[in-house]
């Protein structure tokens, strides 16, 4: 649950930064979802790499 909330918060922060820089809804969604998904699945990816 902690990883989910961290991903949610960091994804939202990434979206805010993308919106402030580009004012593009498309980039805002892409950046927010990418950051959130990378945080949510980071443990699974690291397990496969190690």
C-alpha atoms as a PDB file:
ATOM      1  CA  UNK A   1       0.000   0.000   0.000  1.00  0.00           C
ATOM      2  CA  UNK A   2       2.878   2.345   0.795  1.00  0.00           C
ATOM      3  CA  UNK A   3       4.363   1.884  -2.695  1.00  0.00           C
ATOM      4  CA  UNK A   4       0.960   2.620  -4.267  1.00  0.00           C
ATOM      5  CA  UNK A   5       0.556   5.883  -2.342  1.00  0.00           C
ATOM      6  CA  UNK A   6       4.143   6.910  -3.093  1.00  0.00           C
ATOM      7  CA  UNK A   7       3.572   6.242  -6.805  1.00  0.00           C
ATOM      8  CA  UNK A   8       0.319   8.155  -6.714  1.00  0.00           C
ATOM      9  CA  UNK A   9       1.952  11.171  -5.072  1.00  0.00           C
ATOM     10  CA  UNK A  10       5.040  11.176  -7.271  1.00  0.00           C
ATOM     11  CA  UNK A  11       2.929  10.687 -10.407  1.00  0.00           C
ATOM     12  CA  UNK A  12       0.821  13.676  -9.430  1.00  0.00           C
ATOM     13  CA  UNK A  13       3.946  15.734  -8.770  1.00  0.00           C
ATOM     14  CA  UNK A  14       5.340  14.751 -12.171  1.00  0.00           C
ATOM     15  CA  UNK A  15       2.069  15.745 -13.804  1.00  0.00           C
ATOM     16  CA  UNK A  16       2.118  19.153 -12.132  1.00  0.00           C
ATOM     17  CA  UNK A  17       5.674  19.778 -13.310  1.00  0.00           C
ATOM     18  CA  UNK A  18       4.827  18.636 -16.849  1.00  0.00           C
ATOM     19  CA  UNK A  19       1.744  20.857 -16.907  1.00  0.00           C
ATOM     20  CA  UNK A  20       3.703  23.870 -15.681  1.00  0.00           C
ATOM     21  CA  UNK A  21       6.379  23.322 -18.325  1.00  0.00           C
ATOM     22  CA  UNK A  22       4.266  22.425 -21.374  1.00  0.00           C
ATOM     23  CA  UNK A  23       0.558  23.194 -20.760  1.00  0.00           C
ATOM     24  CA  UNK A  24      -0.153  20.066 -22.793  1.00  0.00           C
ATOM     25  CA  UNK A  25      -2.752  17.600 -21.467  1.00  0.00           C
ATOM     26  CA  UNK A  26      -1.184  14.744 -23.421  1.00  0.00           C
ATOM     27  CA  UNK A  27       2.272  15.165 -21.953  1.00  0.00           C
ATOM     28  CA  UNK A  28       0.783  15.655 -18.500  1.00  0.00           C
ATOM     29  CA  UNK A  29      -0.996  12.290 -18.618  1.00  0.00           C
ATOM     30  CA  UNK A  30       1.979  10.459 -20.121  1.00  0.00           C
ATOM     31  CA  UNK A  31       4.467  11.780 -17.558  1.00  0.00           C
ATOM     32  CA  UNK A  32       2.145  11.193 -14.596  1.00  0.00           C
ATOM     33  CA  UNK A  33       1.295   7.626 -15.565  1.00  0.00           C
ATOM     34  CA  UNK A  34       4.880   6.761 -16.446  1.00  0.00           C
ATOM     35  CA  UNK A  35       6.209   7.940 -13.087  1.00  0.00           C
ATOM     36  CA  UNK A  36       3.437   6.177 -11.179  1.00  0.00           C
ATOM     37  CA  UNK A  37       3.840   2.868 -13.043  1.00  0.00           C
ATOM     38  CA  UNK A  38       7.626   2.894 -12.695  1.00  0.00           C
ATOM     39  CA  UNK A  39       7.319   3.363  -8.945  1.00  0.00           C
ATOM     40  CA  UNK A  40       4.566   0.734  -8.595  1.00  0.00           C
ATOM     41  CA  UNK A  41       6.453  -1.952 -10.549  1.00  0.00           C
ATOM     42  CA  UNK A  42      10.025  -1.006  -9.651  1.00  0.00           C
ATOM     43  CA  UNK A  43      10.385  -3.883  -7.186  1.00  0.00           C
ATOM     44  CA  UNK A  44       9.291  -6.430  -9.791  1.00  0.00           C
ATOM     45  CA  UNK A  45      11.704  -5.060 -12.391  1.00  0.00           C
ATOM     46  CA  UNK A  46      14.613  -4.956  -9.950  1.00  0.00           C
ATOM     47  CA  UNK A  47      13.971  -8.569  -8.910  1.00  0.00           C
ATOM     48  CA  UNK A  48      14.288  -9.686 -12.543  1.00  0.00           C
ATOM     49  CA  UNK A  49      17.462  -7.688 -13.129  1.00  0.00           C
ATOM     50  CA  UNK A  50      19.304  -8.888 -10.030  1.00  0.00           C
END
